[in-house]
């Protein structure tokens, strides 16, 4: 597969092992140079811009993210579906009961902090 992918069979025909190794090295070098050029021209790889943006963004703690999801769920259930607070709290309680134990522990710590 690599022989046809790098066009090693069509560009070069020689029986000398040293010549074959030299040609393969040239082809790999050409491939590396083309890959670098392709990578530099893509918009996804604009230098260190991605890393600068990540450094500027504050990390959200796991508990805060979980609380944000639960609050959003409560708001959606209240506004869109128009359920009462008792039904919403029962749905949230069932949801929390269905979660794995390690997430329940995080949620219990979160409820103690609030």
PDB file of N, CA and C in Angstrom:
ATOM      1  N   UNK A   1       0.819  -1.186   0.000  1.00  0.00           N
ATOM      2  CA  UNK A   1       0.000   0.000   0.000  1.00  0.00           C
ATOM      3  C   UNK A   1       0.866   1.255   0.000  1.00  0.00           C
ATOM      4  N   UNK A   2       1.897   1.297   0.835  1.00  0.00           N
ATOM      5  CA  UNK A   2       2.756   2.478   0.894  1.00  0.00           C
ATOM      6  C   UNK A   2       3.492   2.707  -0.415  1.00  0.00           C
ATOM      7  N   UNK A   3       3.836   1.618  -1.082  1.00  0.00           N
ATOM      8  CA  UNK A   3       4.556   1.745  -2.346  1.00  0.00           C
ATOM      9  C   UNK A   3       3.704   2.474  -3.374  1.00  0.00           C
ATOM     10  N   UNK A   4       2.432   2.163  -3.444  1.00  0.00           N
ATOM     11  CA  UNK A   4       1.563   2.847  -4.404  1.00  0.00           C
ATOM     12  C   UNK A   4       1.179   4.235  -3.906  1.00  0.00           C
ATOM     13  N   UNK A   5       1.029   4.416  -2.595  1.00  0.00           N
ATOM     14  CA  UNK A   5       0.652   5.716  -2.048  1.00  0.00           C
ATOM     15  C   UNK A   5       1.742   6.752  -2.298  1.00  0.00           C
ATOM     16  N   UNK A   6       2.982   6.375  -2.078  1.00  0.00           N
ATOM     17  CA  UNK A   6       4.095   7.298  -2.295  1.00  0.00           C
ATOM     18  C   UNK A   6       4.640   7.260  -3.720  1.00  0.00           C
ATOM     19  N   UNK A   7       4.007   6.501  -4.586  1.00  0.00           N
ATOM     20  CA  UNK A   7       4.391   6.374  -5.992  1.00  0.00           C
ATOM     21  C   UNK A   7       5.841   5.914  -6.147  1.00  0.00           C
ATOM     22  N   UNK A   8       6.208   4.944  -5.331  1.00  0.00           N
ATOM     23  CA  UNK A   8       7.574   4.436  -5.397  1.00  0.00           C
ATOM     24  C   UNK A   8       7.777   3.520  -6.597  1.00  0.00           C
ATOM     25  N   UNK A   9       6.735   2.898  -7.084  1.00  0.00           N
ATOM     26  CA  UNK A   9       6.871   1.964  -8.194  1.00  0.00           C
ATOM     27  C   UNK A   9       6.937   2.644  -9.546  1.00  0.00           C
ATOM     28  N   UNK A  10       6.323   3.805  -9.714  1.00  0.00           N
ATOM     29  CA  UNK A  10       6.244   4.452 -11.017  1.00  0.00           C
ATOM     30  C   UNK A  10       7.402   5.413 -11.277  1.00  0.00           C
ATOM     31  N   UNK A  11       7.890   6.078 -10.229  1.00  0.00           N
ATOM     32  CA  UNK A  11       8.923   7.091 -10.433  1.00  0.00           C
ATOM     33  C   UNK A  11      10.320   6.498 -10.558  1.00  0.00           C
ATOM     34  N   UNK A  12      10.536   5.342 -10.002  1.00  0.00           N
ATOM     35  CA  UNK A  12      11.901   4.851  -9.885  1.00  0.00           C
ATOM     36  C   UNK A  12      11.934   3.357 -10.172  1.00  0.00           C
ATOM     37  N   UNK A  13      12.891   2.953 -10.999  1.00  0.00           N
ATOM     38  CA  UNK A  13      13.059   1.540 -11.311  1.00  0.00           C
ATOM     39  C   UNK A  13      14.553   1.237 -11.327  1.00  0.00           C
ATOM     40  N   UNK A  14      15.013   0.597 -10.282  1.00  0.00           N
ATOM     41  CA  UNK A  14      16.431   0.246 -10.198  1.00  0.00           C
ATOM     42  C   UNK A  14      16.551  -0.986  -9.312  1.00  0.00           C
ATOM     43  N   UNK A  15      17.588  -1.749  -9.516  1.00  0.00           N
ATOM     44  CA  UNK A  15      17.763  -2.973  -8.747  1.00  0.00           C
ATOM     45  C   UNK A  15      18.746  -2.790  -7.592  1.00  0.00           C
ATOM     46  N   UNK A  16      19.400  -1.665  -7.527  1.00  0.00           N
ATOM     47  CA  UNK A  16      20.366  -1.414  -6.460  1.00  0.00           C
ATOM     48  C   UNK A  16      19.628  -1.050  -5.165  1.00  0.00           C
ATOM     49  N   UNK A  17      19.976  -1.751  -4.104  1.00  0.00           N
ATOM     50  CA  UNK A  17      19.323  -1.501  -2.819  1.00  0.00           C
ATOM     51  C   UNK A  17      19.635  -0.095  -2.318  1.00  0.00           C
ATOM     52  N   UNK A  18      20.877   0.352  -2.470  1.00  0.00           N
ATOM     53  CA  UNK A  18      21.254   1.693  -2.030  1.00  0.00           C
ATOM     54  C   UNK A  18      20.465   2.761  -2.776  1.00  0.00           C
ATOM     55  N   UNK A  19      20.262   2.567  -4.052  1.00  0.00           N
ATOM     56  CA  UNK A  19      19.488   3.526  -4.844  1.00  0.00           C
ATOM     57  C   UNK A  19      18.030   3.548  -4.400  1.00  0.00           C
ATOM     58  N   UNK A  20      17.494   2.373  -4.089  1.00  0.00           N
ATOM     59  CA  UNK A  20      16.106   2.310  -3.636  1.00  0.00           C
ATOM     60  C   UNK A  20      15.941   3.022  -2.292  1.00  0.00           C
ATOM     61  N   UNK A  21      16.896   2.826  -1.379  1.00  0.00           N
ATOM     62  CA  UNK A  21      16.838   3.495  -0.074  1.00  0.00           C
ATOM     63  C   UNK A  21      16.954   5.003  -0.250  1.00  0.00           C
ATOM     64  N   UNK A  22      17.858   5.443  -1.116  1.00  0.00           N
ATOM     65  CA  UNK A  22      18.029   6.875  -1.363  1.00  0.00           C
ATOM     66  C   UNK A  22      16.756   7.481  -1.948  1.00  0.00           C
ATOM     67  N   UNK A  23      16.155   6.805  -2.914  1.00  0.00           N
ATOM     68  CA  UNK A  23      14.939   7.329  -3.528  1.00  0.00           C
ATOM     69  C   UNK A  23      13.785   7.360  -2.526  1.00  0.00           C
ATOM     70  N   UNK A  24      13.684   6.317  -1.711  1.00  0.00           N
ATOM     71  CA  UNK A  24      12.632   6.291  -0.695  1.00  0.00           C
ATOM     72  C   UNK A  24      12.822   7.429   0.300  1.00  0.00           C
ATOM     73  N   UNK A  25      14.055   7.708   0.675  1.00  0.00           N
ATOM     74  CA  UNK A  25      14.332   8.827   1.582  1.00  0.00           C
ATOM     75  C   UNK A  25      13.929  10.155   0.959  1.00  0.00           C
ATOM     76  N   UNK A  26      14.202  10.318  -0.316  1.00  0.00           N
ATOM     77  CA  UNK A  26      13.817  11.550  -1.015  1.00  0.00           C
ATOM     78  C   UNK A  26      12.296  11.682  -1.061  1.00  0.00           C
ATOM     79  N   UNK A  27      11.617  10.578  -1.347  1.00  0.00           N
ATOM     80  CA  UNK A  27      10.150  10.615  -1.402  1.00  0.00           C
ATOM     81  C   UNK A  27       9.572  10.958  -0.031  1.00  0.00           C
ATOM     82  N   UNK A  28      10.104  10.355   1.032  1.00  0.00           N
ATOM     83  CA  UNK A  28       9.606  10.661   2.373  1.00  0.00           C
ATOM     84  C   UNK A  28       9.882  12.111   2.743  1.00  0.00           C
ATOM     85  N   UNK A  29      11.044  12.625   2.378  1.00  0.00           N
ATOM     86  CA  UNK A  29      11.360  14.030   2.641  1.00  0.00           C
ATOM     87  C   UNK A  29      10.393  14.940   1.898  1.00  0.00           C
ATOM     88  N   UNK A  30      10.094  14.599   0.659  1.00  0.00           N
ATOM     89  CA  UNK A  30       9.135  15.382  -0.123  1.00  0.00           C
ATOM     90  C   UNK A  30       7.756  15.338   0.525  1.00  0.00           C
ATOM     91  N   UNK A  31       7.362  14.176   1.010  1.00  0.00           N
ATOM     92  CA  UNK A  31       6.070  14.040   1.672  1.00  0.00           C
ATOM     93  C   UNK A  31       6.013  14.891   2.939  1.00  0.00           C
ATOM     94  N   UNK A  32       7.090  14.872   3.718  1.00  0.00           N
ATOM     95  CA  UNK A  32       7.135  15.671   4.945  1.00  0.00           C
ATOM     96  C   UNK A  32       7.036  17.152   4.622  1.00  0.00           C
ATOM     97  N   UNK A  33       7.754  17.598   3.607  1.00  0.00           N
ATOM     98  CA  UNK A  33       7.714  19.013   3.227  1.00  0.00           C
ATOM     99  C   UNK A  33       6.322  19.412   2.746  1.00  0.00           C
ATOM    100  N   UNK A  34       5.677  18.568   1.961  1.00  0.00           N
ATOM    101  CA  UNK A  34       4.316  18.865   1.503  1.00  0.00           C
ATOM    102  C   UNK A  34       3.323  18.858   2.664  1.00  0.00           C
ATOM    103  N   UNK A  35       3.510  17.966   3.611  1.00  0.00           N
ATOM    104  CA  UNK A  35       2.623  17.924   4.778  1.00  0.00           C
ATOM    105  C   UNK A  35       2.765  19.176   5.628  1.00  0.00           C
ATOM    106  N   UNK A  36       3.995  19.628   5.806  1.00  0.00           N
ATOM    107  CA  UNK A  36       4.223  20.856   6.577  1.00  0.00           C
ATOM    108  C   UNK A  36       3.598  22.043   5.870  1.00  0.00           C
ATOM    109  N   UNK A  37       3.767  22.133   4.575  1.00  0.00           N
ATOM    110  CA  UNK A  37       3.176  23.234   3.812  1.00  0.00           C
ATOM    111  C   UNK A  37       1.651  23.184   3.878  1.00  0.00           C
ATOM    112  N   UNK A  38       1.096  21.997   3.771  1.00  0.00           N
ATOM    113  CA  UNK A  38      -0.355  21.834   3.861  1.00  0.00           C
ATOM    114  C   UNK A  38      -0.860  22.235   5.242  1.00  0.00           C
ATOM    115  N   UNK A  39      -0.144  21.838   6.278  1.00  0.00           N
ATOM    116  CA  UNK A  39      -0.534  22.166   7.643  1.00  0.00           C
ATOM    117  C   UNK A  39      -0.453  23.668   7.891  1.00  0.00           C
ATOM    118  N   UNK A  40       0.550  24.329   7.348  1.00  0.00           N
ATOM    119  CA  UNK A  40       0.695  25.768   7.547  1.00  0.00           C
ATOM    120  C   UNK A  40      -0.375  26.560   6.814  1.00  0.00           C
ATOM    121  N   UNK A  41      -0.939  26.015   5.753  1.00  0.00           N
ATOM    122  CA  UNK A  41      -1.952  26.730   4.982  1.00  0.00           C
ATOM    123  C   UNK A  41      -3.371  26.500   5.481  1.00  0.00           C
ATOM    124  N   UNK A  42      -3.578  25.546   6.367  1.00  0.00           N
ATOM    125  CA  UNK A  42      -4.920  25.286   6.885  1.00  0.00           C
ATOM    126  C   UNK A  42      -5.263  26.321   7.945  1.00  0.00           C
ATOM    127  N   UNK A  43      -6.537  26.709   7.989  1.00  0.00           N
ATOM    128  CA  UNK A  43      -6.975  27.703   8.963  1.00  0.00           C
ATOM    129  C   UNK A  43      -7.041  27.142  10.376  1.00  0.00           C
ATOM    130  N   UNK A  44      -7.167  25.828  10.501  1.00  0.00           N
ATOM    131  CA  UNK A  44      -7.247  25.232  11.835  1.00  0.00           C
ATOM    132  C   UNK A  44      -5.929  25.336  12.580  1.00  0.00           C
ATOM    133  N   UNK A  45      -4.853  25.499  11.880  1.00  0.00           N
ATOM    134  CA  UNK A  45      -3.542  25.506  12.520  1.00  0.00           C
ATOM    135  C   UNK A  45      -2.887  26.867  12.370  1.00  0.00           C
ATOM    136  N   UNK A  46      -3.508  27.871  12.920  1.00  0.00           N
ATOM    137  CA  UNK A  46      -2.948  29.219  12.843  1.00  0.00           C
ATOM    138  C   UNK A  46      -1.986  29.389  14.010  1.00  0.00           C
ATOM    139  N   UNK A  47      -0.839  28.784  13.886  1.00  0.00           N
ATOM    140  CA  UNK A  47       0.197  28.923  14.897  1.00  0.00           C
ATOM    141  C   UNK A  47      -0.283  28.545  16.285  1.00  0.00           C
ATOM    142  N   UNK A  48       0.025  29.388  17.238  1.00  0.00           N
ATOM    143  CA  UNK A  48      -0.345  29.133  18.624  1.00  0.00           C
ATOM    144  C   UNK A  48      -1.631  29.812  19.034  1.00  0.00           C
ATOM    145  N   UNK A  49      -2.430  30.243  18.055  1.00  0.00           N
ATOM    146  CA  UNK A  49      -3.673  30.950  18.366  1.00  0.00           C
ATOM    147  C   UNK A  49      -4.603  30.107  19.230  1.00  0.00           C
ATOM    148  N   UNK A  50      -4.704  28.821  18.917  1.00  0.00           N
ATOM    149  CA  UNK A  50      -5.567  27.926  19.695  1.00  0.00           C
ATOM    150  C   UNK A  50      -5.110  27.872  21.149  1.00  0.00           C
ATOM    151  N   UNK A  51      -3.804  27.761  21.355  1.00  0.00           N
ATOM    152  CA  UNK A  51      -3.288  27.663  22.715  1.00  0.00           C
ATOM    153  C   UNK A  51      -3.453  28.975  23.467  1.00  0.00           C
ATOM    154  N   UNK A  52      -3.307  30.108  22.780  1.00  0.00           N
ATOM    155  CA  UNK A  52      -3.524  31.401  23.431  1.00  0.00           C
ATOM    156  C   UNK A  52      -4.974  31.549  23.872  1.00  0.00           C
ATOM    157  N   UNK A  53      -5.905  31.123  23.038  1.00  0.00           N
ATOM    158  CA  UNK A  53      -7.329  31.195  23.401  1.00  0.00           C
ATOM    159  C   UNK A  53      -7.628  30.286  24.585  1.00  0.00           C
ATOM    160  N   UNK A  54      -7.042  29.102  24.587  1.00  0.00           N
ATOM    161  CA  UNK A  54      -7.277  28.170  25.694  1.00  0.00           C
ATOM    162  C   UNK A  54      -6.699  28.705  26.997  1.00  0.00           C
ATOM    163  N   UNK A  55      -5.547  29.372  26.914  1.00  0.00           N
ATOM    164  CA  UNK A  55      -4.944  29.929  28.118  1.00  0.00           C
ATOM    165  C   UNK A  55      -5.786  31.059  28.689  1.00  0.00           C
ATOM    166  N   UNK A  56      -6.446  31.822  27.827  1.00  0.00           N
ATOM    167  CA  UNK A  56      -7.253  32.941  28.292  1.00  0.00           C
ATOM    168  C   UNK A  56      -8.580  32.496  28.893  1.00  0.00           C
ATOM    169  N   UNK A  57      -9.089  31.374  28.435  1.00  0.00           N
ATOM    170  CA  UNK A  57     -10.376  30.896  28.945  1.00  0.00           C
ATOM    171  C   UNK A  57     -10.190  30.268  30.317  1.00  0.00           C
ATOM    172  N   UNK A  58     -11.091  30.586  31.199  1.00  0.00           N
ATOM    173  CA  UNK A  58     -11.037  30.009  32.530  1.00  0.00           C
ATOM    174  C   UNK A  58     -11.661  28.618  32.505  1.00  0.00           C
ATOM    175  N   UNK A  59     -11.027  27.695  33.179  1.00  0.00           N
ATOM    176  CA  UNK A  59     -11.566  26.340  33.248  1.00  0.00           C
ATOM    177  C   UNK A  59     -12.759  26.311  34.196  1.00  0.00           C
ATOM    178  N   UNK A  60     -13.774  25.597  33.789  1.00  0.00           N
ATOM    179  CA  UNK A  60     -14.948  25.420  34.639  1.00  0.00           C
ATOM    180  C   UNK A  60     -14.744  24.134  35.429  1.00  0.00           C
ATOM    181  N   UNK A  61     -14.971  24.228  36.714  1.00  0.00           N
ATOM    182  CA  UNK A  61     -14.845  23.038  37.545  1.00  0.00           C
ATOM    183  C   UNK A  61     -15.983  22.074  37.227  1.00  0.00           C
ATOM    184  N   UNK A  62     -15.749  20.817  37.521  1.00  0.00           N
ATOM    185  CA  UNK A  62     -16.729  19.775  37.229  1.00  0.00           C
ATOM    186  C   UNK A  62     -18.058  20.055  37.928  1.00  0.00           C
ATOM    187  N   UNK A  63     -17.986  20.424  39.192  1.00  0.00           N
ATOM    188  CA  UNK A  63     -19.217  20.690  39.955  1.00  0.00           C
ATOM    189  C   UNK A  63     -19.983  21.869  39.375  1.00  0.00           C
ATOM    190  N   UNK A  64     -19.259  22.910  38.971  1.00  0.00           N
ATOM    191  CA  UNK A  64     -19.924  24.081  38.391  1.00  0.00           C
ATOM    192  C   UNK A  64     -20.605  23.723  37.072  1.00  0.00           C
ATOM    193  N   UNK A  65     -19.943  22.909  36.269  1.00  0.00           N
ATOM    194  CA  UNK A  65     -20.529  22.497  34.992  1.00  0.00           C
ATOM    195  C   UNK A  65     -21.780  21.656  35.216  1.00  0.00           C
ATOM    196  N   UNK A  66     -21.719  20.762  36.180  1.00  0.00           N
ATOM    197  CA  UNK A  66     -22.876  19.924  36.495  1.00  0.00           C
ATOM    198  C   UNK A  66     -24.038  20.764  37.016  1.00  0.00           C
ATOM    199  N   UNK A  67     -23.729  21.730  37.879  1.00  0.00           N
ATOM    200  CA  UNK A  67     -24.774  22.608  38.401  1.00  0.00           C
ATOM    201  C   UNK A  67     -25.383  23.445  37.284  1.00  0.00           C
ATOM    202  N   UNK A  68     -24.558  23.893  36.353  1.00  0.00           N
ATOM    203  CA  UNK A  68     -25.050  24.670  35.212  1.00  0.00           C
ATOM    204  C   UNK A  68     -26.004  23.839  34.352  1.00  0.00           C
ATOM    205  N   UNK A  69     -25.669  22.574  34.142  1.00  0.00           N
ATOM    206  CA  UNK A  69     -26.535  21.686  33.354  1.00  0.00           C
ATOM    207  C   UNK A  69     -27.871  21.463  34.064  1.00  0.00           C
ATOM    208  N   UNK A  70     -27.820  21.229  35.360  1.00  0.00           N
ATOM    209  CA  UNK A  70     -29.060  20.996  36.113  1.00  0.00           C
ATOM    210  C   UNK A  70     -29.922  22.252  36.143  1.00  0.00           C
ATOM    211  N   UNK A  71     -29.304  23.421  36.341  1.00  0.00           N
ATOM    212  CA  UNK A  71     -30.066  24.678  36.333  1.00  0.00           C
ATOM    213  C   UNK A  71     -30.706  24.933  34.974  1.00  0.00           C
ATOM    214  N   UNK A  72     -29.972  24.644  33.912  1.00  0.00           N
ATOM    215  CA  UNK A  72     -30.522  24.819  32.566  1.00  0.00           C
ATOM    216  C   UNK A  72     -31.690  23.866  32.334  1.00  0.00           C
ATOM    217  N   UNK A  73     -31.552  22.644  32.802  1.00  0.00           N
ATOM    218  CA  UNK A  73     -32.649  21.677  32.687  1.00  0.00           C
ATOM    219  C   UNK A  73     -33.885  22.159  33.439  1.00  0.00           C
ATOM    220  N   UNK A  74     -33.686  22.687  34.644  1.00  0.00           N
ATOM    221  CA  UNK A  74     -34.817  23.218  35.416  1.00  0.00           C
ATOM    222  C   UNK A  74     -35.493  24.368  34.677  1.00  0.00           C
ATOM    223  N   UNK A  75     -34.692  25.271  34.122  1.00  0.00           N
ATOM    224  CA  UNK A  75     -35.261  26.415  33.396  1.00  0.00           C
ATOM    225  C   UNK A  75     -36.055  25.970  32.174  1.00  0.00           C
ATOM    226  N   UNK A  76     -35.515  25.009  31.442  1.00  0.00           N
ATOM    227  CA  UNK A  76     -36.211  24.523  30.245  1.00  0.00           C
ATOM    228  C   UNK A  76     -37.517  23.841  30.628  1.00  0.00           C
ATOM    229  N   UNK A  77     -37.476  23.031  31.679  1.00  0.00           N
ATOM    230  CA  UNK A  77     -38.698  22.354  32.116  1.00  0.00           C
ATOM    231  C   UNK A  77     -39.745  23.351  32.609  1.00  0.00           C
ATOM    232  N   UNK A  78     -39.300  24.427  33.233  1.00  0.00           N
ATOM    233  CA  UNK A  78     -40.238  25.431  33.736  1.00  0.00           C
ATOM    234  C   UNK A  78     -40.823  26.267  32.607  1.00  0.00           C
ATOM    235  N   UNK A  79     -39.955  26.744  31.714  1.00  0.00           N
ATOM    236  CA  UNK A  79     -40.396  27.690  30.687  1.00  0.00           C
ATOM    237  C   UNK A  79     -41.050  27.014  29.487  1.00  0.00           C
ATOM    238  N   UNK A  80     -40.458  25.978  28.978  1.00  0.00           N
ATOM    239  CA  UNK A  80     -40.944  25.366  27.736  1.00  0.00           C
ATOM    240  C   UNK A  80     -42.064  24.361  27.966  1.00  0.00           C
ATOM    241  N   UNK A  81     -41.899  23.539  28.974  1.00  0.00           N
ATOM    242  CA  UNK A  81     -42.889  22.490  29.202  1.00  0.00           C
ATOM    243  C   UNK A  81     -43.923  22.933  30.242  1.00  0.00           C
ATOM    244  N   UNK A  82     -43.594  23.967  31.007  1.00  0.00           N
ATOM    245  CA  UNK A  82     -44.486  24.555  32.016  1.00  0.00           C
ATOM    246  C   UNK A  82     -44.915  23.539  33.066  1.00  0.00           C
ATOM    247  N   UNK A  83     -43.921  22.930  33.687  1.00  0.00           N
ATOM    248  CA  UNK A  83     -44.187  21.985  34.769  1.00  0.00           C
ATOM    249  C   UNK A  83     -44.094  22.708  36.108  1.00  0.00           C
ATOM    250  N   UNK A  84     -44.746  22.154  37.106  1.00  0.00           N
ATOM    251  CA  UNK A  84     -44.673  22.746  38.445  1.00  0.00           C
ATOM    252  C   UNK A  84     -43.316  22.433  39.071  1.00  0.00           C
ATOM    253  N   UNK A  85     -42.976  23.184  40.110  1.00  0.00           N
ATOM    254  CA  UNK A  85     -41.678  22.998  40.761  1.00  0.00           C
ATOM    255  C   UNK A  85     -41.577  21.635  41.435  1.00  0.00           C
ATOM    256  N   UNK A  86     -42.695  21.115  41.913  1.00  0.00           N
ATOM    257  CA  UNK A  86     -42.677  19.795  42.555  1.00  0.00           C
ATOM    258  C   UNK A  86     -42.340  18.700  41.537  1.00  0.00           C
ATOM    259  N   UNK A  87     -42.945  18.786  40.379  1.00  0.00           N
ATOM    260  CA  UNK A  87     -42.672  17.790  39.327  1.00  0.00           C
ATOM    261  C   UNK A  87     -41.228  17.916  38.849  1.00  0.00           C
ATOM    262  N   UNK A  88     -40.755  19.153  38.702  1.00  0.00           N
ATOM    263  CA  UNK A  88     -39.369  19.367  38.263  1.00  0.00           C
ATOM    264  C   UNK A  88     -38.399  18.800  39.287  1.00  0.00           C
ATOM    265  N   UNK A  89     -38.648  19.058  40.572  1.00  0.00           N
ATOM    266  CA  UNK A  89     -37.734  18.525  41.588  1.00  0.00           C
ATOM    267  C   UNK A  89     -37.784  17.003  41.626  1.00  0.00           C
ATOM    268  N   UNK A  90     -38.941  16.413  41.360  1.00  0.00           N
ATOM    269  CA  UNK A  90     -39.012  14.954  41.309  1.00  0.00           C
ATOM    270  C   UNK A  90     -38.251  14.407  40.102  1.00  0.00           C
ATOM    271  N   UNK A  91     -38.341  15.096  38.955  1.00  0.00           N
ATOM    272  CA  UNK A  91     -37.581  14.678  37.759  1.00  0.00           C
ATOM    273  C   UNK A  91     -36.086  14.790  38.020  1.00  0.00           C
ATOM    274  N   UNK A  92     -35.659  15.896  38.628  1.00  0.00           N
ATOM    275  CA  UNK A  92     -34.232  16.093  38.928  1.00  0.00           C
ATOM    276  C   UNK A  92     -33.759  15.036  39.925  1.00  0.00           C
ATOM    277  N   UNK A  93     -34.575  14.733  40.929  1.00  0.00           N
ATOM    278  CA  UNK A  93     -34.201  13.695  41.901  1.00  0.00           C
ATOM    279  C   UNK A  93     -34.040  12.333  41.231  1.00  0.00           C
ATOM    280  N   UNK A  94     -34.954  11.995  40.343  1.00  0.00           N
ATOM    281  CA  UNK A  94     -34.829  10.724  39.601  1.00  0.00           C
ATOM    282  C   UNK A  94     -33.583  10.720  38.724  1.00  0.00           C
ATOM    283  N   UNK A  95     -33.311  11.864  38.105  1.00  0.00           N
ATOM    284  CA  UNK A  95     -32.112  11.986  37.269  1.00  0.00           C
ATOM    285  C   UNK A  95     -30.856  11.769  38.103  1.00  0.00           C
ATOM    286  N   UNK A  96     -30.809  12.393  39.267  1.00  0.00           N
ATOM    287  CA  UNK A  96     -29.634  12.261  40.135  1.00  0.00           C
ATOM    288  C   UNK A  96     -29.506  10.829  40.650  1.00  0.00           C
ATOM    289  N   UNK A  97     -30.618  10.184  40.955  1.00  0.00           N
ATOM    290  CA  UNK A  97     -30.576   8.789  41.406  1.00  0.00           C
ATOM    291  C   UNK A  97     -30.026   7.859  40.327  1.00  0.00           C
ATOM    292  N   UNK A  98     -30.251   8.197  39.071  1.00  0.00           N
ATOM    293  CA  UNK A  98     -29.787   7.343  37.974  1.00  0.00           C
ATOM    294  C   UNK A  98     -28.315   7.561  37.641  1.00  0.00           C
ATOM    295  N   UNK A  99     -27.711   8.595  38.204  1.00  0.00           N
ATOM    296  CA  UNK A  99     -26.306   8.886  37.906  1.00  0.00           C
ATOM    297  C   UNK A  99     -25.380   7.893  38.601  1.00  0.00           C
ATOM    298  N   UNK A 100     -24.171   7.714  38.075  1.00  0.00           N
ATOM    299  CA  UNK A 100     -23.186   6.858  38.751  1.00  0.00           C
ATOM    300  C   UNK A 100     -22.798   7.442  40.116  1.00  0.00           C
ATOM    301  N   UNK A 101     -22.270   6.600  40.969  1.00  0.00           N
ATOM    302  CA  UNK A 101     -21.962   6.998  42.350  1.00  0.00           C
ATOM    303  C   UNK A 101     -20.955   8.143  42.433  1.00  0.00           C
ATOM    304  N   UNK A 102     -19.925   8.128  41.602  1.00  0.00           N
ATOM    305  CA  UNK A 102     -18.907   9.174  41.705  1.00  0.00           C
ATOM    306  C   UNK A 102     -19.465  10.547  41.347  1.00  0.00           C
ATOM    307  N   UNK A 103     -20.469  10.595  40.487  1.00  0.00           N
ATOM    308  CA  UNK A 103     -21.097  11.881  40.164  1.00  0.00           C
ATOM    309  C   UNK A 103     -22.042  12.291  41.293  1.00  0.00           C
ATOM    310  N   UNK A 104     -22.718  11.323  41.899  1.00  0.00           N
ATOM    311  CA  UNK A 104     -23.591  11.632  43.036  1.00  0.00           C
ATOM    312  C   UNK A 104     -22.786  12.239  44.182  1.00  0.00           C
ATOM    313  N   UNK A 105     -21.581  11.709  44.404  1.00  0.00           N
ATOM    314  CA  UNK A 105     -20.730  12.250  45.466  1.00  0.00           C
ATOM    315  C   UNK A 105     -20.375  13.703  45.181  1.00  0.00           C
ATOM    316  N   UNK A 106     -20.063  14.002  43.936  1.00  0.00           N
ATOM    317  CA  UNK A 106     -19.759  15.386  43.561  1.00  0.00           C
ATOM    318  C   UNK A 106     -20.976  16.279  43.773  1.00  0.00           C
ATOM    319  N   UNK A 107     -22.143  15.777  43.428  1.00  0.00           N
ATOM    320  CA  UNK A 107     -23.365  16.566  43.598  1.00  0.00           C
ATOM    321  C   UNK A 107     -23.695  16.776  45.070  1.00  0.00           C
ATOM    322  N   UNK A 108     -23.430  15.788  45.908  1.00  0.00           N
ATOM    323  CA  UNK A 108     -23.699  15.965  47.334  1.00  0.00           C
ATOM    324  C   UNK A 108     -22.757  17.007  47.921  1.00  0.00           C
ATOM    325  N   UNK A 109     -21.508  17.039  47.458  1.00  0.00           N
ATOM    326  CA  UNK A 109     -20.581  18.083  47.889  1.00  0.00           C
ATOM    327  C   UNK A 109     -21.058  19.443  47.409  1.00  0.00           C
ATOM    328  N   UNK A 110     -21.597  19.482  46.217  1.00  0.00           N
ATOM    329  CA  UNK A 110     -22.080  20.732  45.646  1.00  0.00           C
ATOM    330  C   UNK A 110     -23.282  21.253  46.424  1.00  0.00           C
ATOM    331  N   UNK A 111     -24.192  20.371  46.804  1.00  0.00           N
ATOM    332  CA  UNK A 111     -25.375  20.813  47.545  1.00  0.00           C
ATOM    333  C   UNK A 111     -25.003  21.273  48.950  1.00  0.00           C
ATOM    334  N   UNK A 112     -23.926  20.714  49.518  1.00  0.00           N
ATOM    335  CA  UNK A 112     -23.464  21.158  50.833  1.00  0.00           C
ATOM    336  C   UNK A 112     -22.851  22.554  50.756  1.00  0.00           C
ATOM    337  N   UNK A 113     -22.203  22.876  49.629  1.00  0.00           N
ATOM    338  CA  UNK A 113     -21.566  24.178  49.473  1.00  0.00           C
ATOM    339  C   UNK A 113     -22.592  25.274  49.255  1.00  0.00           C
ATOM    340  N   UNK A 114     -23.728  24.969  48.639  1.00  0.00           N
ATOM    341  CA  UNK A 114     -24.737  26.000  48.335  1.00  0.00           C
ATOM    342  C   UNK A 114     -25.586  26.330  49.518  1.00  0.00           C
TER     343      UNK A 114
END
